Amino acid sequence: MSDKIFINDLEIFARHGVFPGEKINPQRFLISLVATFDAASAKASDELSQTIDYAKLLESITENVQNVSFNLIERLAQHLADRVFCGFEKIISLEITIKKFADNLADKNFSCLGFSSIFLRHGQ
């Protein structure tokens, strides 16, 4: 499957991290996502119902980053993948990248840290 949609660097302020201050003060995260799906019917029909609705996907990602709190961004990535697969049946695989910025971190000798993983829909 070579059809993909992507979102690059969606900025969201949320409370994820191990340290107490990270749970209190929202931090800046950039979320990127590449979703693989079969777009043949969308390419033929030009109908939104035949593809992935970007607005709904952006809303889902934002809600699912802001309305939970995890210690690890690895767990946040898994949570996002689970929610996206649940809400968007056409998506076959996801690559999710999460960047967390050094603003609230003790060691500020870098601009950001992050995690990236590829997730497959169960049964694929």
PDB file of N, CA and C in Angstrom:
ATOM      1  N   MET A   1       0.850  -1.177   0.000  1.00  0.00           N
ATOM      2  CA  MET A   1       0.000   0.000   0.000  1.00  0.00           C
ATOM      3  C   MET A   1       0.894   1.237   0.000  1.00  0.00           C
ATOM      4  N   SER A   2       0.689   2.128  -0.944  1.00  0.00           N
ATOM      5  CA  SER A   2       1.546   3.306  -1.011  1.00  0.00           C
ATOM      6  C   SER A   2       0.803   4.612  -0.743  1.00  0.00           C
ATOM      7  N   ASP A   3      -0.485   4.547  -0.460  1.00  0.00           N
ATOM      8  CA  ASP A   3      -1.240   5.771  -0.185  1.00  0.00           C
ATOM      9  C   ASP A   3      -1.052   6.172   1.270  1.00  0.00           C
ATOM     10  N   LYS A   4      -0.706   7.449   1.472  1.00  0.00           N
ATOM     11  CA  LYS A   4      -0.440   7.930   2.830  1.00  0.00           C
ATOM     12  C   LYS A   4      -0.968   9.345   2.972  1.00  0.00           C
ATOM     13  N   ILE A   5      -1.407   9.657   4.167  1.00  0.00           N
ATOM     14  CA  ILE A   5      -1.630  11.041   4.537  1.00  0.00           C
ATOM     15  C   ILE A   5      -0.687  11.340   5.693  1.00  0.00           C
ATOM     16  N   PHE A   6      -0.392  12.606   5.885  1.00  0.00           N
ATOM     17  CA  PHE A   6       0.527  12.924   6.976  1.00  0.00           C
ATOM     18  C   PHE A   6       0.161  14.244   7.626  1.00  0.00           C
ATOM     19  N   ILE A   7       0.575  14.357   8.869  1.00  0.00           N
ATOM     20  CA  ILE A   7       0.482  15.590   9.646  1.00  0.00           C
ATOM     21  C   ILE A   7       1.881  15.812  10.199  1.00  0.00           C
ATOM     22  N   ASN A   8       2.441  16.985   9.970  1.00  0.00           N
ATOM     23  CA  ASN A   8       3.779  17.288  10.471  1.00  0.00           C
ATOM     24  C   ASN A   8       3.714  18.341  11.564  1.00  0.00           C
ATOM     25  N   ASP A   9       4.284  17.995  12.700  1.00  0.00           N
ATOM     26  CA  ASP A   9       4.528  18.946  13.787  1.00  0.00           C
ATOM     27  C   ASP A   9       3.277  19.673  14.277  1.00  0.00           C
ATOM     28  N   LEU A  10       2.249  18.902  14.598  1.00  0.00           N
ATOM     29  CA  LEU A  10       1.060  19.462  15.248  1.00  0.00           C
ATOM     30  C   LEU A  10       1.454  19.873  16.663  1.00  0.00           C
ATOM     31  N   GLU A  11       1.366  21.161  16.968  1.00  0.00           N
ATOM     32  CA  GLU A  11       1.786  21.672  18.271  1.00  0.00           C
ATOM     33  C   GLU A  11       0.638  21.525  19.273  1.00  0.00           C
ATOM     34  N   ILE A  12       0.949  20.847  20.382  1.00  0.00           N
ATOM     35  CA  ILE A  12      -0.032  20.623  21.444  1.00  0.00           C
ATOM     36  C   ILE A  12       0.665  20.835  22.777  1.00  0.00           C
ATOM     37  N   PHE A  13       0.008  21.525  23.679  1.00  0.00           N
ATOM     38  CA  PHE A  13       0.517  21.694  25.031  1.00  0.00           C
ATOM     39  C   PHE A  13      -0.225  20.704  25.923  1.00  0.00           C
ATOM     40  N   ALA A  14       0.549  19.872  26.645  1.00  0.00           N
ATOM     41  CA  ALA A  14      -0.045  18.798  27.447  1.00  0.00           C
ATOM     42  C   ALA A  14       0.861  18.472  28.625  1.00  0.00           C
ATOM     43  N   ARG A  15       0.382  17.553  29.465  1.00  0.00           N
ATOM     44  CA  ARG A  15       1.071  17.216  30.717  1.00  0.00           C
ATOM     45  C   ARG A  15       1.503  15.750  30.712  1.00  0.00           C
ATOM     46  N   HIS A  16       2.655  15.481  30.135  1.00  0.00           N
ATOM     47  CA  HIS A  16       3.212  14.137  30.100  1.00  0.00           C
ATOM     48  C   HIS A  16       4.646  14.193  30.605  1.00  0.00           C
ATOM     49  N   GLY A  17       5.012  13.245  31.449  1.00  0.00           N
ATOM     50  CA  GLY A  17       6.377  13.184  31.941  1.00  0.00           C
ATOM     51  C   GLY A  17       6.437  12.540  33.306  1.00  0.00           C
ATOM     52  N   VAL A  18       7.630  12.196  33.704  1.00  0.00           N
ATOM     53  CA  VAL A  18       7.873  11.487  34.961  1.00  0.00           C
ATOM     54  C   VAL A  18       7.910  12.436  36.158  1.00  0.00           C
ATOM     55  N   PHE A  19       8.403  13.640  35.953  1.00  0.00           N
ATOM     56  CA  PHE A  19       8.622  14.556  37.062  1.00  0.00           C
ATOM     57  C   PHE A  19       7.343  15.311  37.430  1.00  0.00           C
ATOM     58  N   PRO A  20       7.155  15.614  38.717  1.00  0.00           N
ATOM     59  CA  PRO A  20       5.922  16.273  39.168  1.00  0.00           C
ATOM     60  C   PRO A  20       5.599  17.565  38.414  1.00  0.00           C
ATOM     61  N   GLY A  21       6.607  18.381  38.143  1.00  0.00           N
ATOM     62  CA  GLY A  21       6.375  19.629  37.423  1.00  0.00           C
ATOM     63  C   GLY A  21       5.816  19.417  36.031  1.00  0.00           C
ATOM     64  N   GLU A  22       6.147  18.282  35.419  1.00  0.00           N
ATOM     65  CA  GLU A  22       5.643  17.972  34.077  1.00  0.00           C
ATOM     66  C   GLU A  22       4.152  17.644  34.108  1.00  0.00           C
ATOM     67  N   LYS A  23       3.669  17.216  35.250  1.00  0.00           N
ATOM     68  CA  LYS A  23       2.248  16.894  35.400  1.00  0.00           C
ATOM     69  C   LYS A  23       1.433  18.149  35.713  1.00  0.00           C
ATOM     70  N   ILE A  24       2.113  19.198  36.203  1.00  0.00           N
ATOM     71  CA  ILE A  24       1.428  20.424  36.607  1.00  0.00           C
ATOM     72  C   ILE A  24       1.413  21.449  35.482  1.00  0.00           C
ATOM     73  N   ASN A  25       2.575  21.678  34.885  1.00  0.00           N
ATOM     74  CA  ASN A  25       2.716  22.715  33.861  1.00  0.00           C
ATOM     75  C   ASN A  25       2.674  22.093  32.465  1.00  0.00           C
ATOM     76  N   PRO A  26       1.743  22.523  31.627  1.00  0.00           N
ATOM     77  CA  PRO A  26       1.709  21.997  30.257  1.00  0.00           C
ATOM     78  C   PRO A  26       3.028  22.271  29.536  1.00  0.00           C
ATOM     79  N   GLN A  27       3.456  21.293  28.767  1.00  0.00           N
ATOM     80  CA  GLN A  27       4.684  21.386  27.991  1.00  0.00           C
ATOM     81  C   GLN A  27       4.346  21.337  26.510  1.00  0.00           C
ATOM     82  N   ARG A  28       5.267  21.810  25.718  1.00  0.00           N
ATOM     83  CA  ARG A  28       5.083  21.820  24.263  1.00  0.00           C
ATOM     84  C   ARG A  28       5.495  20.476  23.669  1.00  0.00           C
ATOM     85  N   PHE A  29       4.598  19.920  22.880  1.00  0.00           N
ATOM     86  CA  PHE A  29       4.853  18.694  22.140  1.00  0.00           C
ATOM     87  C   PHE A  29       4.567  18.961  20.669  1.00  0.00           C
ATOM     88  N   LEU A  30       5.323  18.327  19.792  1.00  0.00           N
ATOM     89  CA  LEU A  30       5.016  18.315  18.367  1.00  0.00           C
ATOM     90  C   LEU A  30       4.725  16.875  17.988  1.00  0.00           C
ATOM     91  N   ILE A  31       3.565  16.670  17.415  1.00  0.00           N
ATOM     92  CA  ILE A  31       3.123  15.331  17.024  1.00  0.00           C
ATOM     93  C   ILE A  31       3.108  15.263  15.499  1.00  0.00           C
ATOM     94  N   SER A  32       3.786  14.256  14.960  1.00  0.00           N
ATOM     95  CA  SER A  32       3.745  13.995  13.523  1.00  0.00           C
ATOM     96  C   SER A  32       3.210  12.589  13.315  1.00  0.00           C
ATOM     97  N   LEU A  33       2.473  12.430  12.227  1.00  0.00           N
ATOM     98  CA  LEU A  33       1.825  11.152  11.967  1.00  0.00           C
ATOM     99  C   LEU A  33       1.784  10.899  10.465  1.00  0.00           C
ATOM    100  N   VAL A  34       2.090   9.677  10.080  1.00  0.00           N
ATOM    101  CA  VAL A  34       1.921   9.229   8.700  1.00  0.00           C
ATOM    102  C   VAL A  34       0.994   8.020   8.765  1.00  0.00           C
ATOM    103  N   ALA A  35      -0.124   8.105   8.052  1.00  0.00           N
ATOM    104  CA  ALA A  35      -1.115   7.020   8.053  1.00  0.00           C
ATOM    105  C   ALA A  35      -1.196   6.409   6.658  1.00  0.00           C
ATOM    106  N   THR A  36      -1.084   5.086   6.605  1.00  0.00           N
ATOM    107  CA  THR A  36      -1.179   4.355   5.346  1.00  0.00           C
ATOM    108  C   THR A  36      -2.592   3.795   5.212  1.00  0.00           C
ATOM    109  N   PHE A  37      -3.162   3.957   4.031  1.00  0.00           N
ATOM    110  CA  PHE A  37      -4.509   3.440   3.779  1.00  0.00           C
ATOM    111  C   PHE A  37      -4.704   3.293   2.277  1.00  0.00           C
ATOM    112  N   ASP A  38      -5.785   2.667   1.876  1.00  0.00           N
ATOM    113  CA  ASP A  38      -6.101   2.493   0.466  1.00  0.00           C
ATOM    114  C   ASP A  38      -6.974   3.666   0.023  1.00  0.00           C
ATOM    115  N   ALA A  39      -6.421   4.532  -0.785  1.00  0.00           N
ATOM    116  CA  ALA A  39      -7.134   5.731  -1.235  1.00  0.00           C
ATOM    117  C   ALA A  39      -7.753   5.576  -2.622  1.00  0.00           C
ATOM    118  N   ALA A  40      -7.828   4.354  -3.136  1.00  0.00           N
ATOM    119  CA  ALA A  40      -8.338   4.147  -4.503  1.00  0.00           C
ATOM    120  C   ALA A  40      -9.740   4.717  -4.677  1.00  0.00           C
ATOM    121  N   SER A  41     -10.629   4.467  -3.723  1.00  0.00           N
ATOM    122  CA  SER A  41     -12.004   4.964  -3.880  1.00  0.00           C
ATOM    123  C   SER A  41     -12.059   6.488  -3.758  1.00  0.00           C
ATOM    124  N   ALA A  42     -11.208   7.090  -2.932  1.00  0.00           N
ATOM    125  CA  ALA A  42     -11.166   8.546  -2.816  1.00  0.00           C
ATOM    126  C   ALA A  42     -10.641   9.175  -4.107  1.00  0.00           C
ATOM    127  N   LYS A  43      -9.636   8.556  -4.695  1.00  0.00           N
ATOM    128  CA  LYS A  43      -9.070   9.084  -5.937  1.00  0.00           C
ATOM    129  C   LYS A  43     -10.087   9.003  -7.077  1.00  0.00           C
ATOM    130  N   ALA A  44     -10.934   7.993  -7.053  1.00  0.00           N
ATOM    131  CA  ALA A  44     -11.933   7.818  -8.103  1.00  0.00           C
ATOM    132  C   ALA A  44     -13.171   8.680  -7.883  1.00  0.00           C
ATOM    133  N   SER A  45     -13.572   8.865  -6.634  1.00  0.00           N
ATOM    134  CA  SER A  45     -14.855   9.514  -6.346  1.00  0.00           C
ATOM    135  C   SER A  45     -14.771  11.000  -6.012  1.00  0.00           C
ATOM    136  N   ASP A  46     -13.612  11.457  -5.490  1.00  0.00           N
ATOM    137  CA  ASP A  46     -13.460  12.836  -5.026  1.00  0.00           C
ATOM    138  C   ASP A  46     -14.427  13.140  -3.876  1.00  0.00           C
ATOM    139  N   GLU A  47     -14.727  12.140  -3.063  1.00  0.00           N
ATOM    140  CA  GLU A  47     -15.658  12.265  -1.943  1.00  0.00           C
ATOM    141  C   GLU A  47     -14.904  12.152  -0.623  1.00  0.00           C
ATOM    142  N   LEU A  48     -15.140  13.098   0.289  1.00  0.00           N
ATOM    143  CA  LEU A  48     -14.502  13.089   1.601  1.00  0.00           C
ATOM    144  C   LEU A  48     -14.785  11.804   2.366  1.00  0.00           C
ATOM    145  N   SER A  49     -15.965  11.250   2.207  1.00  0.00           N
ATOM    146  CA  SER A  49     -16.336  10.028   2.927  1.00  0.00           C
ATOM    147  C   SER A  49     -15.484   8.831   2.534  1.00  0.00           C
ATOM    148  N   GLN A  50     -14.740   8.940   1.433  1.00  0.00           N
ATOM    149  CA  GLN A  50     -13.929   7.828   0.947  1.00  0.00           C
ATOM    150  C   GLN A  50     -12.459   7.934   1.360  1.00  0.00           C
ATOM    151  N   THR A  51     -12.142   8.926   2.190  1.00  0.00           N
ATOM    152  CA  THR A  51     -10.757   9.121   2.605  1.00  0.00           C
ATOM    153  C   THR A  51     -10.706   9.355   4.110  1.00  0.00           C
ATOM    154  N   ILE A  52      -9.576   9.812   4.589  1.00  0.00           N
ATOM    155  CA  ILE A  52      -9.408  10.158   5.999  1.00  0.00           C
ATOM    156  C   ILE A  52      -9.656  11.658   6.139  1.00  0.00           C
ATOM    157  N   ASP A  53     -10.590  12.029   6.974  1.00  0.00           N
ATOM    158  CA  ASP A  53     -10.924  13.435   7.196  1.00  0.00           C
ATOM    159  C   ASP A  53      -9.858  14.054   8.096  1.00  0.00           C
ATOM    160  N   TYR A  54      -9.038  14.947   7.523  1.00  0.00           N
ATOM    161  CA  TYR A  54      -7.949  15.578   8.274  1.00  0.00           C
ATOM    162  C   TYR A  54      -8.458  16.302   9.518  1.00  0.00           C
ATOM    163  N   ALA A  55      -9.573  17.009   9.382  1.00  0.00           N
ATOM    164  CA  ALA A  55     -10.105  17.772  10.517  1.00  0.00           C
ATOM    165  C   ALA A  55     -10.443  16.846  11.681  1.00  0.00           C
ATOM    166  N   LYS A  56     -11.069  15.728  11.393  1.00  0.00           N
ATOM    167  CA  LYS A  56     -11.413  14.767  12.450  1.00  0.00           C
ATOM    168  C   LYS A  56     -10.163  14.115  13.031  1.00  0.00           C
ATOM    169  N   LEU A  57      -9.181  13.840  12.191  1.00  0.00           N
ATOM    170  CA  LEU A  57      -7.939  13.242  12.662  1.00  0.00           C
ATOM    171  C   LEU A  57      -7.185  14.217  13.574  1.00  0.00           C
ATOM    172  N   LEU A  58      -7.096  15.479  13.174  1.00  0.00           N
ATOM    173  CA  LEU A  58      -6.447  16.494  14.002  1.00  0.00           C
ATOM    174  C   LEU A  58      -7.159  16.641  15.347  1.00  0.00           C
ATOM    175  N   GLU A  59      -8.475  16.649  15.329  1.00  0.00           N
ATOM    176  CA  GLU A  59      -9.261  16.759  16.555  1.00  0.00           C
ATOM    177  C   GLU A  59      -9.013  15.566  17.471  1.00  0.00           C
ATOM    178  N   SER A  60      -8.978  14.376  16.902  1.00  0.00           N
ATOM    179  CA  SER A  60      -8.744  13.167  17.684  1.00  0.00           C
ATOM    180  C   SER A  60      -7.361  13.178  18.326  1.00  0.00           C
ATOM    181  N   ILE A  61      -6.358  13.548  17.557  1.00  0.00           N
ATOM    182  CA  ILE A  61      -4.991  13.581  18.091  1.00  0.00           C
ATOM    183  C   ILE A  61      -4.898  14.594  19.225  1.00  0.00           C
ATOM    184  N   THR A  62      -5.392  15.792  18.990  1.00  0.00           N
ATOM    185  CA  THR A  62      -5.327  16.842  20.003  1.00  0.00           C
ATOM    186  C   THR A  62      -6.022  16.412  21.286  1.00  0.00           C
ATOM    187  N   GLU A  63      -7.229  15.921  21.160  1.00  0.00           N
ATOM    188  CA  GLU A  63      -8.003  15.475  22.329  1.00  0.00           C
ATOM    189  C   GLU A  63      -7.279  14.375  23.090  1.00  0.00           C
ATOM    190  N   ASN A  64      -6.703  13.435  22.372  1.00  0.00           N
ATOM    191  CA  ASN A  64      -6.071  12.291  23.015  1.00  0.00           C
ATOM    192  C   ASN A  64      -4.669  12.574  23.540  1.00  0.00           C
ATOM    193  N   VAL A  65      -4.096  13.706  23.219  1.00  0.00           N
ATOM    194  CA  VAL A  65      -2.839  14.124  23.839  1.00  0.00           C
ATOM    195  C   VAL A  65      -3.128  14.996  25.054  1.00  0.00           C
ATOM    196  N   GLN A  66      -4.132  15.847  24.950  1.00  0.00           N
ATOM    197  CA  GLN A  66      -4.428  16.784  26.034  1.00  0.00           C
ATOM    198  C   GLN A  66      -5.221  16.181  27.186  1.00  0.00           C
ATOM    199  N   ASN A  67      -6.061  15.208  26.928  1.00  0.00           N
ATOM    200  CA  ASN A  67      -6.997  14.727  27.943  1.00  0.00           C
ATOM    201  C   ASN A  67      -6.526  13.512  28.729  1.00  0.00           C
ATOM    202  N   VAL A  68      -5.269  13.156  28.577  1.00  0.00           N
ATOM    203  CA  VAL A  68      -4.665  12.068  29.350  1.00  0.00           C
ATOM    204  C   VAL A  68      -3.313  12.545  29.846  1.00  0.00           C
ATOM    205  N   SER A  69      -2.716  11.793  30.763  1.00  0.00           N
ATOM    206  CA  SER A  69      -1.368  12.110  31.230  1.00  0.00           C
ATOM    207  C   SER A  69      -0.613  10.808  31.448  1.00  0.00           C
ATOM    208  N   PHE A  70       0.499  10.672  30.754  1.00  0.00           N
ATOM    209  CA  PHE A  70       1.335   9.486  30.880  1.00  0.00           C
ATOM    210  C   PHE A  70       2.731   9.896  31.328  1.00  0.00           C
ATOM    211  N   ASN A  71       3.417   8.986  31.983  1.00  0.00           N
ATOM    212  CA  ASN A  71       4.809   9.227  32.352  1.00  0.00           C
ATOM    213  C   ASN A  71       5.713   9.215  31.122  1.00  0.00           C
ATOM    214  N   LEU A  72       5.459   8.288  30.219  1.00  0.00           N
ATOM    215  CA  LEU A  72       6.352   8.051  29.079  1.00  0.00           C
ATOM    216  C   LEU A  72       5.708   8.450  27.759  1.00  0.00           C
ATOM    217  N   ILE A  73       6.496   9.074  26.883  1.00  0.00           N
ATOM    218  CA  ILE A  73       5.953   9.400  25.570  1.00  0.00           C
ATOM    219  C   ILE A  73       5.772   8.135  24.719  1.00  0.00           C
ATOM    220  N   GLU A  74       6.464   7.061  25.064  1.00  0.00           N
ATOM    221  CA  GLU A  74       6.242   5.780  24.388  1.00  0.00           C
ATOM    222  C   GLU A  74       4.798   5.313  24.629  1.00  0.00           C
ATOM    223  N   ARG A  75       4.331   5.471  25.855  1.00  0.00           N
ATOM    224  CA  ARG A  75       2.946   5.087  26.187  1.00  0.00           C
ATOM    225  C   ARG A  75       1.955   6.025  25.505  1.00  0.00           C
ATOM    226  N   LEU A  76       2.284   7.302  25.449  1.00  0.00           N
ATOM    227  CA  LEU A  76       1.430   8.259  24.744  1.00  0.00           C
ATOM    228  C   LEU A  76       1.292   7.871  23.279  1.00  0.00           C
ATOM    229  N   ALA A  77       2.380   7.474  22.640  1.00  0.00           N
ATOM    230  CA  ALA A  77       2.340   7.062  21.229  1.00  0.00           C
ATOM    231  C   ALA A  77       1.435   5.847  21.044  1.00  0.00           C
ATOM    232  N   GLN A  78       1.532   4.873  21.945  1.00  0.00           N
ATOM    233  CA  GLN A  78       0.672   3.688  21.860  1.00  0.00           C
ATOM    234  C   GLN A  78      -0.794   4.073  22.042  1.00  0.00           C
ATOM    235  N   HIS A  79      -1.057   4.957  22.990  1.00  0.00           N
ATOM    236  CA  HIS A  79      -2.427   5.435  23.228  1.00  0.00           C
ATOM    237  C   HIS A  79      -2.974   6.111  21.968  1.00  0.00           C
ATOM    238  N   LEU A  80      -2.175   6.968  21.351  1.00  0.00           N
ATOM    239  CA  LEU A  80      -2.611   7.634  20.122  1.00  0.00           C
ATOM    240  C   LEU A  80      -2.909   6.626  19.019  1.00  0.00           C
ATOM    241  N   ALA A  81      -2.017   5.662  18.842  1.00  0.00           N
ATOM    242  CA  ALA A  81      -2.234   4.642  17.815  1.00  0.00           C
ATOM    243  C   ALA A  81      -3.533   3.890  18.073  1.00  0.00           C
ATOM    244  N   ASP A  82      -3.760   3.477  19.308  1.00  0.00           N
ATOM    245  CA  ASP A  82      -4.991   2.754  19.646  1.00  0.00           C
ATOM    246  C   ASP A  82      -6.226   3.582  19.315  1.00  0.00           C
ATOM    247  N   ARG A  83      -6.203   4.861  19.675  1.00  0.00           N
ATOM    248  CA  ARG A  83      -7.355   5.750  19.449  1.00  0.00           C
ATOM    249  C   ARG A  83      -7.568   6.001  17.953  1.00  0.00           C
ATOM    250  N   VAL A  84      -6.485   6.213  17.215  1.00  0.00           N
ATOM    251  CA  VAL A  84      -6.617   6.462  15.774  1.00  0.00           C
ATOM    252  C   VAL A  84      -7.158   5.221  15.072  1.00  0.00           C
ATOM    253  N   PHE A  85      -6.625   4.055  15.384  1.00  0.00           N
ATOM    254  CA  PHE A  85      -7.140   2.830  14.763  1.00  0.00           C
ATOM    255  C   PHE A  85      -8.612   2.623  15.102  1.00  0.00           C
ATOM    256  N   CYS A  86      -9.003   2.951  16.307  1.00  0.00           N
ATOM    257  CA  CYS A  86     -10.388   2.795  16.735  1.00  0.00           C
ATOM    258  C   CYS A  86     -11.314   3.749  15.972  1.00  0.00           C
ATOM    259  N   GLY A  87     -10.870   4.964  15.713  1.00  0.00           N
ATOM    260  CA  GLY A  87     -11.723   5.966  15.093  1.00  0.00           C
ATOM    261  C   GLY A  87     -11.654   6.064  13.580  1.00  0.00           C
ATOM    262  N   PHE A  88     -10.640   5.444  12.980  1.00  0.00           N
ATOM    263  CA  PHE A  88     -10.435   5.578  11.537  1.00  0.00           C
ATOM    264  C   PHE A  88     -10.148   4.196  10.951  1.00  0.00           C
ATOM    265  N   GLU A  89     -11.215   3.512  10.580  1.00  0.00           N
ATOM    266  CA  GLU A  89     -11.120   2.114  10.153  1.00  0.00           C
ATOM    267  C   GLU A  89     -10.309   1.911   8.878  1.00  0.00           C
ATOM    268  N   LYS A  90     -10.198   2.916   8.038  1.00  0.00           N
ATOM    269  CA  LYS A  90      -9.460   2.781   6.778  1.00  0.00           C
ATOM    270  C   LYS A  90      -7.940   2.720   6.986  1.00  0.00           C
ATOM    271  N   ILE A  91      -7.468   3.206   8.121  1.00  0.00           N
ATOM    272  CA  ILE A  91      -6.024   3.268   8.353  1.00  0.00           C
ATOM    273  C   ILE A  91      -5.470   1.883   8.657  1.00  0.00           C
ATOM    274  N   ILE A  92      -4.415   1.513   7.930  1.00  0.00           N
ATOM    275  CA  ILE A  92      -3.795   0.194   8.048  1.00  0.00           C
ATOM    276  C   ILE A  92      -2.559   0.246   8.948  1.00  0.00           C
ATOM    277  N   SER A  93      -1.768   1.300   8.793  1.00  0.00           N
ATOM    278  CA  SER A  93      -0.576   1.453   9.625  1.00  0.00           C
ATOM    279  C   SER A  93      -0.344   2.928   9.922  1.00  0.00           C
ATOM    280  N   LEU A  94       0.407   3.164  10.986  1.00  0.00           N
ATOM    281  CA  LEU A  94       0.717   4.524  11.432  1.00  0.00           C
ATOM    282  C   LEU A  94       2.185   4.626  11.792  1.00  0.00           C
ATOM    283  N   GLU A  95       2.773   5.725  11.454  1.00  0.00           N
ATOM    284  CA  GLU A  95       4.058   6.080  12.039  1.00  0.00           C
ATOM    285  C   GLU A  95       3.807   7.342  12.846  1.00  0.00           C
ATOM    286  N   ILE A  96       4.083   7.278  14.129  1.00  0.00           N
ATOM    287  CA  ILE A  96       3.856   8.401  15.021  1.00  0.00           C
ATOM    288  C   ILE A  96       5.196   8.851  15.583  1.00  0.00           C
ATOM    289  N   THR A  97       5.443  10.153  15.512  1.00  0.00           N
ATOM    290  CA  THR A  97       6.636  10.754  16.101  1.00  0.00           C
ATOM    291  C   THR A  97       6.188  11.824  17.083  1.00  0.00           C
ATOM    292  N   ILE A  98       6.743  11.753  18.290  1.00  0.00           N
ATOM    293  CA  ILE A  98       6.427  12.732  19.326  1.00  0.00           C
ATOM    294  C   ILE A  98       7.719  13.418  19.738  1.00  0.00           C
ATOM    295  N   LYS A  99       7.724  14.745  19.663  1.00  0.00           N
ATOM    296  CA  LYS A  99       8.864  15.543  20.122  1.00  0.00           C
ATOM    297  C   LYS A  99       8.446  16.297  21.374  1.00  0.00           C
ATOM    298  N   LYS A 100       9.314  16.259  22.362  1.00  0.00           N
ATOM    299  CA  LYS A 100       9.096  16.954  23.635  1.00  0.00           C
ATOM    300  C   LYS A 100      10.248  17.936  23.802  1.00  0.00           C
ATOM    301  N   PHE A 101       9.943  19.156  24.210  1.00  0.00           N
ATOM    302  CA  PHE A 101      10.959  20.203  24.216  1.00  0.00           C
ATOM    303  C   PHE A 101      11.612  20.383  25.568  1.00  0.00           C
ATOM    304  N   ALA A 102      12.830  20.895  25.527  1.00  0.00           N
ATOM    305  CA  ALA A 102      13.694  20.989  26.708  1.00  0.00           C
ATOM    306  C   ALA A 102      13.306  22.107  27.663  1.00  0.00           C
ATOM    307  N   ASP A 103      12.329  22.921  27.336  1.00  0.00           N
ATOM    308  CA  ASP A 103      11.953  24.063  28.168  1.00  0.00           C
ATOM    309  C   ASP A 103      11.769  23.694  29.641  1.00  0.00           C
ATOM    310  N   ASN A 104      11.124  22.576  29.903  1.00  0.00           N
ATOM    311  CA  ASN A 104      10.827  22.171  31.278  1.00  0.00           C
ATOM    312  C   ASN A 104      11.716  21.040  31.779  1.00  0.00           C
ATOM    313  N   LEU A 105      12.749  20.711  31.034  1.00  0.00           N
ATOM    314  CA  LEU A 105      13.606  19.599  31.412  1.00  0.00           C
ATOM    315  C   LEU A 105      14.876  20.113  32.084  1.00  0.00           C
ATOM    316  N   ALA A 106      15.429  19.307  32.949  1.00  0.00           N
ATOM    317  CA  ALA A 106      16.608  19.704  33.724  1.00  0.00           C
ATOM    318  C   ALA A 106      17.814  19.969  32.822  1.00  0.00           C
ATOM    319  N   ASP A 107      18.087  19.086  31.881  1.00  0.00           N
ATOM    320  CA  ASP A 107      19.249  19.227  30.994  1.00  0.00           C
ATOM    321  C   ASP A 107      18.800  19.920  29.719  1.00  0.00           C
ATOM    322  N   LYS A 108      19.239  21.131  29.503  1.00  0.00           N
ATOM    323  CA  LYS A 108      18.795  21.898  28.340  1.00  0.00           C
ATOM    324  C   LYS A 108      19.890  22.007  27.286  1.00  0.00           C
ATOM    325  N   ASN A 109      20.733  20.984  27.175  1.00  0.00           N
ATOM    326  CA  ASN A 109      21.801  20.973  26.184  1.00  0.00           C
ATOM    327  C   ASN A 109      21.331  20.417  24.843  1.00  0.00           C
ATOM    328  N   PHE A 110      20.047  20.374  24.635  1.00  0.00           N
ATOM    329  CA  PHE A 110      19.469  19.893  23.388  1.00  0.00           C
ATOM    330  C   PHE A 110      18.153  20.618  23.156  1.00  0.00           C
ATOM    331  N   SER A 111      17.676  20.617  21.943  1.00  0.00           N
ATOM    332  CA  SER A 111      16.443  21.349  21.648  1.00  0.00           C
ATOM    333  C   SER A 111      15.195  20.534  21.972  1.00  0.00           C
ATOM    334  N   CYS A 112      15.243  19.236  21.700  1.00  0.00           N
ATOM    335  CA  CYS A 112      14.088  18.395  22.000  1.00  0.00           C
ATOM    336  C   CYS A 112      14.542  16.947  22.079  1.00  0.00           C
ATOM    337  N   LEU A 113      13.662  16.144  22.603  1.00  0.00           N
ATOM    338  CA  LEU A 113      13.861  14.697  22.586  1.00  0.00           C
ATOM    339  C   LEU A 113      12.607  14.102  22.003  1.00  0.00           C
ATOM    340  N   GLY A 114      12.627  12.818  21.706  1.00  0.00           N
ATOM    341  CA  GLY A 114      11.434  12.276  21.086  1.00  0.00           C
ATOM    342  C   GLY A 114      11.403  10.775  21.007  1.00  0.00           C
ATOM    343  N   PHE A 115      10.315  10.320  20.418  1.00  0.00           N
ATOM    344  CA  PHE A 115      10.070   8.897  20.230  1.00  0.00           C
ATOM    345  C   PHE A 115       9.321   8.741  18.915  1.00  0.00           C
ATOM    346  N   SER A 116       9.651   7.700  18.172  1.00  0.00           N
ATOM    347  CA  SER A 116       8.963   7.404  16.925  1.00  0.00           C
ATOM    348  C   SER A 116       8.768   5.906  16.817  1.00  0.00           C
ATOM    349  N   SER A 117       7.596   5.510  16.336  1.00  0.00           N
ATOM    350  CA  SER A 117       7.325   4.082  16.181  1.00  0.00           C
ATOM    351  C   SER A 117       6.317   3.868  15.065  1.00  0.00           C
ATOM    352  N   ILE A 118       6.364   2.679  14.496  1.00  0.00           N
ATOM    353  CA  ILE A 118       5.389   2.269  13.488  1.00  0.00           C
ATOM    354  C   ILE A 118       4.433   1.284  14.148  1.00  0.00           C
ATOM    355  N   PHE A 119       3.147   1.521  13.930  1.00  0.00           N
ATOM    356  CA  PHE A 119       2.094   0.691  14.524  1.00  0.00           C
ATOM    357  C   PHE A 119       1.271   0.083  13.387  1.00  0.00           C
ATOM    358  N   LEU A 120       0.932  -1.188  13.533  1.00  0.00           N
ATOM    359  CA  LEU A 120       0.102  -1.879  12.552  1.00  0.00           C
ATOM    360  C   LEU A 120      -1.246  -2.204  13.168  1.00  0.00           C
ATOM    361  N   ARG A 121      -2.295  -2.040  12.369  1.00  0.00           N
ATOM    362  CA  ARG A 121      -3.618  -2.432  12.833  1.00  0.00           C
ATOM    363  C   ARG A 121      -3.599  -3.937  13.092  1.00  0.00           C
ATOM    364  N   HIS A 122      -4.199  -4.367  14.180  1.00  0.00           N
ATOM    365  CA  HIS A 122      -4.234  -5.795  14.499  1.00  0.00           C
ATOM    366  C   HIS A 122      -4.826  -6.560  13.327  1.00  0.00           C
ATOM    367  N   GLY A 123      -4.210  -7.661  12.974  1.00  0.00           N
ATOM    368  CA  GLY A 123      -4.681  -8.492  11.864  1.00  0.00           C
ATOM    369  C   GLY A 123      -4.063  -8.120  10.530  1.00  0.00           C
ATOM    370  N   GLN A 124      -3.183  -7.126  10.517  1.00  0.00           N
ATOM    371  CA  GLN A 124      -2.546  -6.713   9.253  1.00  0.00           C
ATOM    372  C   GLN A 124      -1.181  -7.341   9.125  1.00  0.00           C
TER     373      GLN A 124
END
